[in-house]
Amino acid sequence: MIINGVMIDETFAEAFPMKATRVIITAQNSRWAMISAQAMTGFATSVIGCGCEAGIERELTPFETPDGRPGVSVMIFATSRKALAKQLESRAGQCVLTSPTSAIYAGIEDGVPLPLGKSLRYFGDGFQISKKLDGKRYWRIPVMDGEFLAEETTGMKEAVGGGNFLILAESQPQALAACDAAIEIMRKVPNVILPFPGGVVGSGSKVGSKYKSLSASTNDPFCPTLKGKTKSALGPEIESVMEIVIDGLFESAINEAMRMGIEAVCKLGTGNGVRRITAGNYGGKLGPYHFHLREIMA
């Protein structure tokens, strides 16, 4: 398959099951809501080394939040309920509770409940109080800037992590420009996050390593500087490869994000140095979710 001169490999992105939750962070203004959300989603690119994968889903208007203030929707993904609950508690406690004028609410109403205000309330040192409104329980925690409000729980859903595609280009600036084009449109897709810095992976990995202590290592077949030193997957014209990873609440959401992202890259075409689109898979051994590039783009 060739789209605007760009070869779409006959392969699939291999993804795996995860647990996910969503929270809504609000603040006095959109700037501080975003600051809190950015802090909460820091150091959360990969479960390999971070314990979770987290990202900002989108900004919310005051008409979309529980308290009528500007907000940000944040999603966190982990491999188990226990790991997800731990990450949620520590990130909400250290990054949202500490952020001026902030509040935090459930972003998923159903599903398995995860403690939110239920855990954070103890910071109130006995001065915290609870209120029940419209069947939901909230905790009011006294803090130095006034009061921190947290909904008691948020919901956990079964989710999918690791959807991906790789952009192969003639130069590093061209690869990054293609990623920027893809990310701009992919961020409009609901129920997905792009957990890596700015949505881009510059150092994609493969499973395993020659060093026993590492579970993952550099994806040498796709490293341009290793042509001739390894079994390279790159032609002589490729000098930069970048990856976009997608986590989502639904397979369909990841499918849509990949379609829109690849379409945006292909619009740039070979005239802008983009030569191939491929994906990371491990022979079906990593996970049961397979996103076939050519089927997506058909």
Protein backbone atom coordinates (compact mmCIF):
# COMPACT_ATOMS: atom_id res chain seq x y z
CA MET A 1 0.00 0.00 0.00
CA ILE A 2 1.34 3.42 -0.98
CA ILE A 3 -0.33 6.69 0.10
CA ASN A 4 1.02 9.89 -1.45
CA GLY A 5 4.28 8.08 -2.13
CA VAL A 6 4.61 6.77 1.44
CA MET A 7 4.92 2.99 1.81
CA ILE A 8 2.62 1.45 4.43
CA ASP A 9 4.20 -1.80 5.60
CA GLU A 10 2.14 -4.96 5.78
CA THR A 11 2.50 -5.37 9.53
CA PHE A 12 0.66 -4.69 12.77
CA ALA A 13 1.13 -2.81 16.01
CA GLU A 14 0.99 -5.20 18.92
CA ALA A 15 -0.76 -3.92 22.05
CA PHE A 16 -1.60 -5.43 25.42
CA PRO A 17 -4.28 -5.29 28.14
CA MET A 18 -4.06 -2.59 30.79
CA LYS A 19 -6.18 -1.03 33.52
CA ALA A 20 -7.06 2.63 33.18
CA THR A 21 -8.72 5.46 35.04
CA ARG A 22 -9.56 9.07 34.31
CA VAL A 23 -9.70 12.05 36.66
CA ILE A 24 -10.76 15.63 36.15
CA ILE A 25 -8.55 18.31 37.66
CA THR A 26 -9.92 21.82 38.07
CA ALA A 27 -8.42 25.05 39.35
CA GLN A 28 -9.06 28.76 39.61
CA ASN A 29 -7.96 29.22 36.02
CA SER A 30 -6.91 27.09 33.05
CA ARG A 31 -3.21 27.82 33.59
CA TRP A 32 -3.17 26.30 37.05
CA ALA A 33 -5.37 23.38 36.04
CA MET A 34 -2.84 22.55 33.33
CA ILE A 35 0.13 22.97 35.69
CA SER A 36 -1.43 20.47 38.08
CA ALA A 37 -2.23 18.03 35.26
CA GLN A 38 1.29 18.27 33.86
CA ALA A 39 2.77 17.55 37.27
CA MET A 40 0.48 14.56 37.76
CA THR A 41 1.41 13.03 34.42
CA GLY A 42 5.17 13.54 34.73
CA PHE A 43 7.55 10.54 34.63
CA ALA A 44 4.82 8.32 33.21
CA THR A 45 5.92 7.38 29.70
CA SER A 46 6.19 3.61 30.06
CA VAL A 47 5.30 0.91 32.56
CA ILE A 48 8.75 -0.54 31.88
CA GLY A 49 10.41 2.05 34.09
CA CYS A 50 7.75 4.44 35.39
CA GLY A 51 5.15 2.15 36.92
CA CYS A 52 2.37 3.63 34.82
CA GLU A 53 1.63 5.48 31.60
CA ALA A 54 -0.23 8.75 31.96
CA GLY A 55 -1.14 11.72 29.87
CA ILE A 56 -3.43 14.68 29.35
CA GLU A 57 -6.48 13.74 27.33
CA ARG A 58 -7.81 17.26 26.76
CA GLU A 59 -8.63 20.60 28.33
CA LEU A 60 -12.15 21.15 29.64
CA THR A 61 -14.29 24.27 29.66
CA PRO A 62 -16.11 25.35 32.83
CA PHE A 63 -19.29 23.95 31.28
CA GLU A 64 -17.73 20.45 31.25
CA THR A 65 -16.43 20.25 34.84
CA PRO A 66 -18.25 19.33 38.06
CA ASP A 67 -17.50 22.65 39.79
CA GLY A 68 -17.86 25.03 36.84
CA ARG A 69 -14.16 25.93 36.73
CA PRO A 70 -11.58 25.35 33.98
CA GLY A 71 -10.26 21.81 33.99
CA VAL A 72 -8.11 19.13 32.43
CA SER A 73 -8.93 15.48 31.80
CA VAL A 74 -6.08 13.12 32.75
CA MET A 75 -5.82 9.37 32.16
CA ILE A 76 -3.52 6.87 33.87
CA PHE A 77 -2.79 3.32 32.65
CA ALA A 78 -1.14 0.48 34.59
CA THR A 79 -0.84 -3.29 34.37
CA SER A 80 -2.97 -4.11 37.44
CA ARG A 81 -5.60 -2.58 39.71
CA LYS A 82 -3.14 -2.52 42.60
CA ALA A 83 -0.49 -0.69 40.59
CA LEU A 84 -3.05 1.76 39.20
CA ALA A 85 -4.48 2.54 42.65
CA LYS A 86 -0.99 3.18 44.02
CA GLN A 87 -0.05 5.49 41.15
CA LEU A 88 -3.33 7.38 41.40
CA GLU A 89 -2.98 7.95 45.14
CA SER A 90 0.63 9.11 45.02
CA ARG A 91 0.23 11.33 41.96
CA ALA A 92 -3.00 12.93 43.17
CA GLY A 93 -1.53 13.47 46.63
CA GLN A 94 1.83 14.84 45.55
CA CYS A 95 0.86 16.74 42.40
CA VAL A 96 -2.78 17.82 42.64
CA LEU A 97 -3.37 18.26 46.36
CA THR A 98 -0.23 20.40 46.51
CA SER A 99 -1.18 22.55 43.51
CA PRO A 100 -2.82 25.90 44.40
CA THR A 101 -6.63 26.16 44.07
CA SER A 102 -6.92 22.61 42.72
CA ALA A 103 -9.69 20.04 43.06
CA ILE A 104 -10.02 16.51 41.68
CA TYR A 105 -13.05 14.54 40.52
CA ALA A 106 -13.94 11.19 38.99
CA GLY A 107 -13.58 11.04 35.22
CA ILE A 108 -15.18 7.58 34.96
CA GLU A 109 -18.47 7.13 36.75
CA ASP A 110 -18.84 3.36 36.46
CA GLY A 111 -16.33 0.52 36.52
CA VAL A 112 -14.36 -0.75 39.51
CA PRO A 113 -14.00 2.04 42.09
CA LEU A 114 -10.53 3.32 42.92
CA PRO A 115 -9.86 5.39 46.06
CA LEU A 116 -9.39 9.09 45.36
CA GLY A 117 -10.57 11.42 48.13
CA LYS A 118 -11.06 8.28 50.17
CA SER A 119 -7.26 8.08 50.52
CA LEU A 120 -6.37 11.77 50.29
CA ARG A 121 -8.70 12.74 53.14
CA TYR A 122 -6.21 11.58 55.78
CA PHE A 123 -4.01 14.56 54.93
CA GLY A 124 -6.67 16.60 56.71
CA ASP A 125 -5.40 15.16 60.00
CA GLY A 126 -8.88 14.71 61.40
CA PHE A 127 -10.19 18.10 60.26
CA GLN A 128 -11.52 16.73 56.95
CA ILE A 129 -15.27 16.43 56.45
CA SER A 130 -17.39 14.62 53.86
CA LYS A 131 -20.44 15.75 51.96
CA LYS A 132 -22.80 13.68 49.83
CA LEU A 133 -24.38 15.40 46.83
CA ASP A 134 -26.55 13.70 44.20
CA GLY A 135 -25.46 10.29 45.46
CA LYS A 136 -21.73 11.09 45.25
CA ARG A 137 -19.43 11.52 48.24
CA TYR A 138 -16.85 14.29 48.34
CA TRP A 139 -14.13 15.07 50.85
CA ARG A 140 -13.31 18.60 51.93
CA ILE A 141 -9.73 18.82 53.13
CA PRO A 142 -8.51 22.03 54.80
CA VAL A 143 -5.28 23.29 53.22
CA MET A 144 -3.31 26.52 53.53
CA ASP A 145 -4.77 28.16 50.43
CA GLY A 146 -8.33 27.34 51.48
CA GLU A 147 -9.89 23.94 50.85
CA PHE A 148 -9.08 20.98 48.66
CA LEU A 149 -12.12 19.12 47.31
CA ALA A 150 -11.83 15.52 46.13
CA GLU A 151 -14.47 13.06 44.99
CA GLU A 152 -14.27 9.87 47.04
CA THR A 153 -13.59 7.46 44.16
CA THR A 154 -13.14 7.28 40.42
CA GLY A 155 -13.75 4.33 38.11
CA MET A 156 -11.33 1.85 36.60
CA LYS A 157 -11.83 0.28 33.17
CA GLU A 158 -10.20 -2.48 31.16
CA ALA A 159 -8.06 -0.76 28.54
CA VAL A 160 -5.43 -1.20 25.84
CA GLY A 161 -1.82 -0.03 25.90
CA GLY A 162 0.88 0.04 23.27
CA GLY A 163 -0.82 0.93 20.01
CA ASN A 164 1.89 2.44 17.85
CA PHE A 165 3.33 3.32 14.48
CA LEU A 166 6.83 4.26 13.31
CA ILE A 167 7.66 7.08 10.92
CA LEU A 168 10.70 6.52 8.70
CA ALA A 169 12.13 9.68 7.14
CA GLU A 170 15.14 10.98 5.29
CA SER A 171 16.24 13.27 8.10
CA GLN A 172 15.65 13.97 11.78
CA PRO A 173 13.88 17.34 11.20
CA GLN A 174 11.56 15.71 8.67
CA ALA A 175 10.71 12.83 11.01
CA LEU A 176 9.91 15.26 13.82
CA ALA A 177 7.80 17.47 11.55
CA ALA A 178 5.78 14.40 10.55
CA CYS A 179 5.28 13.49 14.21
CA ASP A 180 4.10 17.01 14.99
CA ALA A 181 1.54 16.82 12.19
CA ALA A 182 0.26 13.47 13.45
CA ILE A 183 0.07 14.49 17.09
CA GLU A 184 -1.84 17.68 16.38
CA ILE A 185 -4.72 15.70 14.89
CA MET A 186 -4.47 12.66 17.18
CA ARG A 187 -4.96 14.79 20.29
CA LYS A 188 -8.49 15.49 19.06
CA VAL A 189 -9.46 11.81 19.43
CA PRO A 190 -11.27 11.14 22.75
CA ASN A 191 -10.40 8.28 25.10
CA VAL A 192 -6.71 8.09 24.14
CA ILE A 193 -3.43 9.50 25.41
CA LEU A 194 0.05 9.73 23.91
CA PRO A 195 2.18 9.05 27.00
CA PHE A 196 5.69 9.81 25.72
CA PRO A 197 7.27 13.30 25.79
CA GLY A 198 5.21 15.48 23.47
CA GLY A 199 3.70 12.25 22.16
CA VAL A 200 6.91 11.12 20.45
CA VAL A 201 9.37 8.29 21.14
CA GLY A 202 12.85 9.04 19.86
CA SER A 203 14.35 5.91 21.43
CA GLY A 204 11.99 3.07 20.60
CA SER A 205 12.75 -0.23 22.30
CA LYS A 206 12.67 -3.93 21.63
CA VAL A 207 11.89 -6.66 24.15
CA GLY A 208 14.97 -8.00 25.92
CA SER A 209 18.65 -7.11 26.01
CA LYS A 210 22.12 -8.66 26.02
CA TYR A 211 22.28 -7.36 29.59
CA LYS A 212 20.25 -9.60 31.90
CA SER A 213 19.19 -6.72 34.14
CA LEU A 214 17.29 -5.01 31.32
CA SER A 215 13.86 -6.07 30.08
CA ALA A 216 14.05 -3.73 27.06
CA SER A 217 16.78 -2.15 24.97
CA THR A 218 17.33 0.00 21.90
CA ASN A 219 15.48 -1.16 18.80
CA ASP A 220 18.69 -1.71 16.82
CA PRO A 221 17.06 -2.78 13.52
CA PHE A 222 15.58 0.73 13.36
CA CYS A 223 18.68 2.68 14.48
CA PRO A 224 20.11 4.49 11.41
CA THR A 225 23.65 4.61 12.81
CA LEU A 226 23.73 0.81 13.12
CA LYS A 227 23.26 0.03 9.43
CA GLY A 228 25.87 -2.56 8.58
CA LYS A 229 26.42 -3.47 12.23
CA THR A 230 23.08 -5.20 12.82
CA LYS A 231 20.24 -6.74 10.85
CA SER A 232 18.85 -3.38 9.81
CA ALA A 233 15.24 -2.79 8.78
CA LEU A 234 16.20 0.48 7.11
CA GLY A 235 17.03 1.37 3.54
CA PRO A 236 19.95 3.68 2.69
CA GLU A 237 17.61 6.67 2.35
CA ILE A 238 16.35 6.48 5.97
CA GLU A 239 18.28 8.58 8.47
CA SER A 240 15.71 8.99 11.27
CA VAL A 241 12.92 6.91 12.79
CA MET A 242 10.42 8.13 15.39
CA GLU A 243 7.53 6.35 17.04
CA ILE A 244 4.14 7.41 18.34
CA VAL A 245 2.59 5.25 21.08
CA ILE A 246 -1.12 5.32 21.90
CA ASP A 247 -2.97 4.06 24.98
CA GLY A 248 -6.76 3.97 24.91
CA LEU A 249 -9.89 2.99 26.79
CA PHE A 250 -11.12 1.16 23.69
CA GLU A 251 -9.60 -0.63 20.71
CA SER A 252 -11.74 1.51 18.43
CA ALA A 253 -10.29 4.71 19.90
CA ILE A 254 -6.71 3.56 19.26
CA ASN A 255 -7.68 2.45 15.77
CA GLU A 256 -9.13 5.89 15.02
CA ALA A 257 -6.13 7.73 16.46
CA MET A 258 -3.73 5.63 14.40
CA ARG A 259 -5.75 6.19 11.23
CA MET A 260 -5.85 9.93 11.69
CA GLY A 261 -2.18 10.14 12.63
CA ILE A 262 -0.95 8.07 9.71
CA GLU A 263 -3.19 10.01 7.35
CA ALA A 264 -1.65 13.29 8.56
CA VAL A 265 1.86 11.91 8.02
CA CYS A 266 1.05 10.66 4.55
CA LYS A 267 -0.31 14.07 3.55
CA LEU A 268 3.23 15.39 3.93
CA GLY A 269 4.41 12.70 1.53
CA THR A 270 7.81 11.93 0.12
CA GLY A 271 8.26 15.56 -0.85
CA ASN A 272 8.74 16.24 2.85
CA GLY A 273 11.07 13.31 3.39
CA VAL A 274 8.58 10.74 4.73
CA ARG A 275 9.27 7.37 3.13
CA ARG A 276 7.65 4.58 5.17
CA ILE A 277 5.20 3.85 7.95
CA THR A 278 5.64 0.66 9.94
CA ALA A 279 4.77 -0.60 13.43
CA GLY A 280 6.28 -2.40 16.41
CA ASN A 281 5.25 -5.98 16.95
CA TYR A 282 6.88 -8.97 18.56
CA GLY A 283 5.42 -11.85 16.61
CA GLY A 284 2.19 -11.79 18.59
CA LYS A 285 3.95 -12.67 21.86
CA LEU A 286 3.50 -9.34 23.63
CA GLY A 287 -0.26 -8.88 23.56
CA PRO A 288 -3.56 -9.97 22.00
CA TYR A 289 -4.43 -6.65 20.35
CA HIS A 290 -3.17 -6.36 16.77
CA PHE A 291 -3.67 -3.13 14.83
CA HIS A 292 -2.95 -3.96 11.17
CA LEU A 293 -1.76 -0.84 9.39
CA ARG A 294 -3.16 -1.64 5.97
CA GLU A 295 -6.55 -2.61 7.37
CA ILE A 296 -6.69 0.64 9.33
CA MET A 297 -5.80 2.71 6.27
CA ALA A 298 -8.07 0.79 3.87
